[in-house]
Amino acid sequence: MAKALIGYLGGPAPDQLRETARLRQRIADLESEVMRLKVENDGLLKTLSESVAKSVEHASAELSATVA
């Protein structure tokens, strides 16, 4: 009986298949965007870290010069 019902229903409608394909593409696009943003964020964090390290070195050198 179940096979008869499935055959009767005919499976997913063409508009459902198109919507599924569209949603899968949207998911792939969003995953790509997340990866791009992660790479960009990693670069920004590296730049910030380097900047902070230089600032600390500079402040340490100035402190050493004023103490000596």
PDB file of N, CA and C in Angstrom:
ATOM      1  N   MET A   1       0.826  -1.189   0.000  1.00  0.00           N
ATOM      2  CA  MET A   1       0.000   0.000   0.000  1.00  0.00           C
ATOM      3  C   MET A   1       0.869   1.250   0.000  1.00  0.00           C
ATOM      4  N   ALA A   2       1.961   1.238   0.775  1.00  0.00           N
ATOM      5  CA  ALA A   2       2.825   2.413   0.818  1.00  0.00           C
ATOM      6  C   ALA A   2       3.414   2.693  -0.562  1.00  0.00           C
ATOM      7  N   LYS A   3       3.838   1.645  -1.260  1.00  0.00           N
ATOM      8  CA  LYS A   3       4.385   1.839  -2.604  1.00  0.00           C
ATOM      9  C   LYS A   3       3.334   2.430  -3.535  1.00  0.00           C
ATOM     10  N   ALA A   4       2.136   2.012  -3.374  1.00  0.00           N
ATOM     11  CA  ALA A   4       1.054   2.536  -4.201  1.00  0.00           C
ATOM     12  C   ALA A   4       0.842   4.017  -3.921  1.00  0.00           C
ATOM     13  N   LEU A   5       0.927   4.418  -2.662  1.00  0.00           N
ATOM     14  CA  LEU A   5       0.742   5.829  -2.315  1.00  0.00           C
ATOM     15  C   LEU A   5       1.889   6.680  -2.858  1.00  0.00           C
ATOM     16  N   ILE A   6       3.118   6.169  -2.747  1.00  0.00           N
ATOM     17  CA  ILE A   6       4.263   6.923  -3.256  1.00  0.00           C
ATOM     18  C   ILE A   6       4.138   7.088  -4.768  1.00  0.00           C
ATOM     19  N   GLY A   7       3.771   6.025  -5.438  1.00  0.00           N
ATOM     20  CA  GLY A   7       3.574   6.117  -6.879  1.00  0.00           C
ATOM     21  C   GLY A   7       2.462   7.079  -7.238  1.00  0.00           C
ATOM     22  N   TYR A   8       1.455   7.116  -6.431  1.00  0.00           N
ATOM     23  CA  TYR A   8       0.321   7.992  -6.673  1.00  0.00           C
ATOM     24  C   TYR A   8       0.715   9.449  -6.482  1.00  0.00           C
ATOM     25  N   LEU A   9       1.521   9.717  -5.460  1.00  0.00           N
ATOM     26  CA  LEU A   9       1.925  11.097  -5.186  1.00  0.00           C
ATOM     27  C   LEU A   9       2.917  11.605  -6.229  1.00  0.00           C
ATOM     28  N   GLY A  10       3.721  10.727  -6.773  1.00  0.00           N
ATOM     29  CA  GLY A  10       4.619  11.125  -7.849  1.00  0.00           C
ATOM     30  C   GLY A  10       5.909  11.787  -7.403  1.00  0.00           C
ATOM     31  N   GLY A  11       6.222  11.797  -6.129  1.00  0.00           N
ATOM     32  CA  GLY A  11       7.477  12.397  -5.677  1.00  0.00           C
ATOM     33  C   GLY A  11       7.372  13.910  -5.575  1.00  0.00           C
ATOM     34  N   PRO A  12       8.538  14.560  -5.353  1.00  0.00           N
ATOM     35  CA  PRO A  12       8.518  16.016  -5.177  1.00  0.00           C
ATOM     36  C   PRO A  12       8.138  16.753  -6.463  1.00  0.00           C
ATOM     37  N   ALA A  13       7.463  17.851  -6.270  1.00  0.00           N
ATOM     38  CA  ALA A  13       7.038  18.673  -7.397  1.00  0.00           C
ATOM     39  C   ALA A  13       8.239  19.430  -7.961  1.00  0.00           C
ATOM     40  N   PRO A  14       8.187  19.806  -9.230  1.00  0.00           N
ATOM     41  CA  PRO A  14       9.305  20.538  -9.846  1.00  0.00           C
ATOM     42  C   PRO A  14       9.660  21.830  -9.111  1.00  0.00           C
ATOM     43  N   ASP A  15       8.672  22.533  -8.596  1.00  0.00           N
ATOM     44  CA  ASP A  15       8.970  23.763  -7.863  1.00  0.00           C
ATOM     45  C   ASP A  15       9.691  23.463  -6.545  1.00  0.00           C
ATOM     46  N   GLN A  16       9.382  22.325  -5.926  1.00  0.00           N
ATOM     47  CA  GLN A  16      10.103  21.925  -4.714  1.00  0.00           C
ATOM     48  C   GLN A  16      11.554  21.581  -5.042  1.00  0.00           C
ATOM     49  N   LEU A  17      11.793  20.930  -6.167  1.00  0.00           N
ATOM     50  CA  LEU A  17      13.154  20.598  -6.591  1.00  0.00           C
ATOM     51  C   LEU A  17      13.959  21.864  -6.888  1.00  0.00           C
ATOM     52  N   ARG A  18      13.337  22.830  -7.546  1.00  0.00           N
ATOM     53  CA  ARG A  18      14.013  24.098  -7.830  1.00  0.00           C
ATOM     54  C   ARG A  18      14.346  24.841  -6.539  1.00  0.00           C
ATOM     55  N   GLU A  19      13.394  24.856  -5.614  1.00  0.00           N
ATOM     56  CA  GLU A  19      13.614  25.533  -4.336  1.00  0.00           C
ATOM     57  C   GLU A  19      14.733  24.847  -3.542  1.00  0.00           C
ATOM     58  N   THR A  20      14.751  23.536  -3.556  1.00  0.00           N
ATOM     59  CA  THR A  20      15.813  22.790  -2.874  1.00  0.00           C
ATOM     60  C   THR A  20      17.166  23.123  -3.483  1.00  0.00           C
ATOM     61  N   ALA A  21      17.249  23.156  -4.796  1.00  0.00           N
ATOM     62  CA  ALA A  21      18.512  23.494  -5.474  1.00  0.00           C
ATOM     63  C   ALA A  21      18.935  24.926  -5.138  1.00  0.00           C
ATOM     64  N   ARG A  22      17.970  25.841  -5.122  1.00  0.00           N
ATOM     65  CA  ARG A  22      18.267  27.236  -4.798  1.00  0.00           C
ATOM     66  C   ARG A  22      18.786  27.359  -3.368  1.00  0.00           C
ATOM     67  N   LEU A  23      18.149  26.662  -2.453  1.00  0.00           N
ATOM     68  CA  LEU A  23      18.575  26.722  -1.047  1.00  0.00           C
ATOM     69  C   LEU A  23      19.952  26.092  -0.853  1.00  0.00           C
ATOM     70  N   ARG A  24      20.220  25.006  -1.548  1.00  0.00           N
ATOM     71  CA  ARG A  24      21.550  24.382  -1.456  1.00  0.00           C
ATOM     72  C   ARG A  24      22.623  25.332  -1.978  1.00  0.00           C
ATOM     73  N   GLN A  25      22.320  26.038  -3.072  1.00  0.00           N
ATOM     74  CA  GLN A  25      23.283  27.008  -3.601  1.00  0.00           C
ATOM     75  C   GLN A  25      23.484  28.155  -2.627  1.00  0.00           C
ATOM     76  N   ARG A  26      22.406  28.596  -1.991  1.00  0.00           N
ATOM     77  CA  ARG A  26      22.502  29.676  -1.004  1.00  0.00           C
ATOM     78  C   ARG A  26      23.373  29.248   0.182  1.00  0.00           C
ATOM     79  N   ILE A  27      23.205  28.000   0.620  1.00  0.00           N
ATOM     80  CA  ILE A  27      24.031  27.477   1.706  1.00  0.00           C
ATOM     81  C   ILE A  27      25.493  27.465   1.298  1.00  0.00           C
ATOM     82  N   ALA A  28      25.776  27.000   0.084  1.00  0.00           N
ATOM     83  CA  ALA A  28      27.162  26.973  -0.402  1.00  0.00           C
ATOM     84  C   ALA A  28      27.736  28.389  -0.464  1.00  0.00           C
ATOM     85  N   ASP A  29      26.940  29.341  -0.932  1.00  0.00           N
ATOM     86  CA  ASP A  29      27.396  30.736  -0.992  1.00  0.00           C
ATOM     87  C   ASP A  29      27.698  31.277   0.404  1.00  0.00           C
ATOM     88  N   LEU A  30      26.834  30.985   1.356  1.00  0.00           N
ATOM     89  CA  LEU A  30      27.036  31.464   2.724  1.00  0.00           C
ATOM     90  C   LEU A  30      28.257  30.804   3.370  1.00  0.00           C
ATOM     91  N   GLU A  31      28.472  29.522   3.091  1.00  0.00           N
ATOM     92  CA  GLU A  31      29.662  28.853   3.620  1.00  0.00           C
ATOM     93  C   GLU A  31      30.931  29.482   3.059  1.00  0.00           C
ATOM     94  N   SER A  32      30.905  29.830   1.769  1.00  0.00           N
ATOM     95  CA  SER A  32      32.055  30.501   1.155  1.00  0.00           C
ATOM     96  C   SER A  32      32.292  31.859   1.798  1.00  0.00           C
ATOM     97  N   GLU A  33      31.229  32.576   2.055  1.00  0.00           N
ATOM     98  CA  GLU A  33      31.337  33.890   2.695  1.00  0.00           C
ATOM     99  C   GLU A  33      31.918  33.767   4.103  1.00  0.00           C
ATOM    100  N   VAL A  34      31.492  32.760   4.837  1.00  0.00           N
ATOM    101  CA  VAL A  34      32.030  32.535   6.183  1.00  0.00           C
ATOM    102  C   VAL A  34      33.526  32.272   6.108  1.00  0.00           C
ATOM    103  N   MET A  35      33.957  31.445   5.173  1.00  0.00           N
ATOM    104  CA  MET A  35      35.381  31.147   5.029  1.00  0.00           C
ATOM    105  C   MET A  35      36.164  32.409   4.655  1.00  0.00           C
ATOM    106  N   ARG A  36      35.620  33.219   3.748  1.00  0.00           N
ATOM    107  CA  ARG A  36      36.282  34.460   3.359  1.00  0.00           C
ATOM    108  C   ARG A  36      36.430  35.391   4.555  1.00  0.00           C
ATOM    109  N   LEU A  37      35.377  35.497   5.340  1.00  0.00           N
ATOM    110  CA  LEU A  37      35.414  36.364   6.519  1.00  0.00           C
ATOM    111  C   LEU A  37      36.387  35.842   7.577  1.00  0.00           C
ATOM    112  N   LYS A  38      36.487  34.523   7.714  1.00  0.00           N
ATOM    113  CA  LYS A  38      37.448  33.957   8.666  1.00  0.00           C
ATOM    114  C   LYS A  38      38.871  34.305   8.253  1.00  0.00           C
ATOM    115  N   VAL A  39      39.155  34.176   6.959  1.00  0.00           N
ATOM    116  CA  VAL A  39      40.496  34.509   6.465  1.00  0.00           C
ATOM    117  C   VAL A  39      40.777  35.989   6.678  1.00  0.00           C
ATOM    118  N   GLU A  40      39.813  36.836   6.360  1.00  0.00           N
ATOM    119  CA  GLU A  40      39.979  38.280   6.558  1.00  0.00           C
ATOM    120  C   GLU A  40      40.182  38.592   8.042  1.00  0.00           C
ATOM    121  N   ASN A  41      39.410  37.955   8.900  1.00  0.00           N
ATOM    122  CA  ASN A  41      39.531  38.183  10.334  1.00  0.00           C
ATOM    123  C   ASN A  41      40.903  37.752  10.845  1.00  0.00           C
ATOM    124  N   ASP A  42      41.383  36.611  10.379  1.00  0.00           N
ATOM    125  CA  ASP A  42      42.715  36.146  10.791  1.00  0.00           C
ATOM    126  C   ASP A  42      43.788  37.157  10.396  1.00  0.00           C
ATOM    127  N   GLY A  43      43.664  37.723   9.193  1.00  0.00           N
ATOM    128  CA  GLY A  43      44.617  38.735   8.753  1.00  0.00           C
ATOM    129  C   GLY A  43      44.558  39.982   9.612  1.00  0.00           C
ATOM    130  N   LEU A  44      43.358  40.410   9.950  1.00  0.00           N
ATOM    131  CA  LEU A  44      43.201  41.587  10.802  1.00  0.00           C
ATOM    132  C   LEU A  44      43.761  41.348  12.198  1.00  0.00           C
ATOM    133  N   LEU A  45      43.528  40.155  12.737  1.00  0.00           N
ATOM    134  CA  LEU A  45      44.067  39.836  14.057  1.00  0.00           C
ATOM    135  C   LEU A  45      45.586  39.821  14.045  1.00  0.00           C
ATOM    136  N   LYS A  46      46.170  39.307  12.971  1.00  0.00           N
ATOM    137  CA  LYS A  46      47.633  39.282  12.859  1.00  0.00           C
ATOM    138  C   LYS A  46      48.177  40.708  12.808  1.00  0.00           C
ATOM    139  N   THR A  47      47.551  41.565  12.007  1.00  0.00           N
ATOM    140  CA  THR A  47      47.975  42.955  11.901  1.00  0.00           C
ATOM    141  C   THR A  47      47.857  43.662  13.252  1.00  0.00           C
ATOM    142  N   LEU A  48      46.762  43.434  13.941  1.00  0.00           N
ATOM    143  CA  LEU A  48      46.562  44.044  15.252  1.00  0.00           C
ATOM    144  C   LEU A  48      47.611  43.560  16.248  1.00  0.00           C
ATOM    145  N   SER A  49      47.864  42.281  16.240  1.00  0.00           N
ATOM    146  CA  SER A  49      48.851  41.709  17.151  1.00  0.00           C
ATOM    147  C   SER A  49      50.232  42.308  16.904  1.00  0.00           C
ATOM    148  N   GLU A  50      50.606  42.438  15.628  1.00  0.00           N
ATOM    149  CA  GLU A  50      51.900  43.035  15.292  1.00  0.00           C
ATOM    150  C   GLU A  50      51.965  44.492  15.734  1.00  0.00           C
ATOM    151  N   SER A  51      50.868  45.210  15.551  1.00  0.00           N
ATOM    152  CA  SER A  51      50.810  46.609  15.943  1.00  0.00           C
ATOM    153  C   SER A  51      50.949  46.764  17.463  1.00  0.00           C
ATOM    154  N   VAL A  52      50.271  45.926  18.204  1.00  0.00           N
ATOM    155  CA  VAL A  52      50.354  45.978  19.659  1.00  0.00           C
ATOM    156  C   VAL A  52      51.765  45.636  20.110  1.00  0.00           C
ATOM    157  N   ALA A  53      52.367  44.629  19.487  1.00  0.00           N
ATOM    158  CA  ALA A  53      53.733  44.231  19.858  1.00  0.00           C
ATOM    159  C   ALA A  53      54.711  45.389  19.614  1.00  0.00           C
ATOM    160  N   LYS A  54      54.562  46.088  18.491  1.00  0.00           N
ATOM    161  CA  LYS A  54      55.435  47.235  18.198  1.00  0.00           C
ATOM    162  C   LYS A  54      55.213  48.357  19.211  1.00  0.00           C
ATOM    163  N   SER A  55      53.960  48.590  19.569  1.00  0.00           N
ATOM    164  CA  SER A  55      53.651  49.636  20.543  1.00  0.00           C
ATOM    165  C   SER A  55      54.259  49.309  21.902  1.00  0.00           C
ATOM    166  N   VAL A  56      54.181  48.058  22.299  1.00  0.00           N
ATOM    167  CA  VAL A  56      54.753  47.640  23.575  1.00  0.00           C
ATOM    168  C   VAL A  56      56.269  47.785  23.537  1.00  0.00           C
ATOM    169  N   GLU A  57      56.892  47.387  22.445  1.00  0.00           N
ATOM    170  CA  GLU A  57      58.347  47.543  22.313  1.00  0.00           C
ATOM    171  C   GLU A  57      58.746  49.009  22.387  1.00  0.00           C
ATOM    172  N   HIS A  58      57.990  49.853  21.691  1.00  0.00           N
ATOM    173  CA  HIS A  58      58.280  51.293  21.674  1.00  0.00           C
ATOM    174  C   HIS A  58      58.125  51.880  23.082  1.00  0.00           C
ATOM    175  N   ALA A  59      57.038  51.523  23.752  1.00  0.00           N
ATOM    176  CA  ALA A  59      56.812  52.045  25.102  1.00  0.00           C
ATOM    177  C   ALA A  59      57.879  51.533  26.067  1.00  0.00           C
ATOM    178  N   SER A  60      58.272  50.302  25.907  1.00  0.00           N
ATOM    179  CA  SER A  60      59.322  49.741  26.757  1.00  0.00           C
ATOM    180  C   SER A  60      60.661  50.441  26.527  1.00  0.00           C
ATOM    181  N   ALA A  61      60.972  50.731  25.278  1.00  0.00           N
ATOM    182  CA  ALA A  61      62.221  51.435  24.946  1.00  0.00           C
ATOM    183  C   ALA A  61      62.190  52.842  25.521  1.00  0.00           C
ATOM    184  N   GLU A  62      61.064  53.517  25.424  1.00  0.00           N
ATOM    185  CA  GLU A  62      60.955  54.882  25.979  1.00  0.00           C
ATOM    186  C   GLU A  62      61.086  54.849  27.499  1.00  0.00           C
ATOM    187  N   LEU A  63      60.481  53.874  28.133  1.00  0.00           N
ATOM    188  CA  LEU A  63      60.553  53.757  29.589  1.00  0.00           C
ATOM    189  C   LEU A  63      61.994  53.481  30.012  1.00  0.00           C
ATOM    190  N   SER A  64      62.664  52.618  29.286  1.00  0.00           N
ATOM    191  CA  SER A  64      64.062  52.308  29.593  1.00  0.00           C
ATOM    192  C   SER A  64      64.949  53.551  29.423  1.00  0.00           C
ATOM    193  N   ALA A  65      64.669  54.354  28.416  1.00  0.00           N
ATOM    194  CA  ALA A  65      65.476  55.558  28.144  1.00  0.00           C
ATOM    195  C   ALA A  65      65.259  56.612  29.230  1.00  0.00           C
ATOM    196  N   THR A  66      64.034  56.733  29.732  1.00  0.00           N
ATOM    197  CA  THR A  66      63.777  57.746  30.760  1.00  0.00           C
ATOM    198  C   THR A  66      64.287  57.305  32.129  1.00  0.00           C
ATOM    199  N   VAL A  67      64.361  56.038  32.388  1.00  0.00           N
ATOM    200  CA  VAL A  67      64.830  55.503  33.663  1.00  0.00           C
ATOM    201  C   VAL A  67      66.352  55.577  33.719  1.00  0.00           C
ATOM    202  N   ALA A  68      67.019  55.343  32.602  1.00  0.00           N
ATOM    203  CA  ALA A  68      68.491  55.293  32.586  1.00  0.00           C
ATOM    204  C   ALA A  68      69.130  56.626  32.650  1.00  0.00           C
TER     205      ALA A  68
END
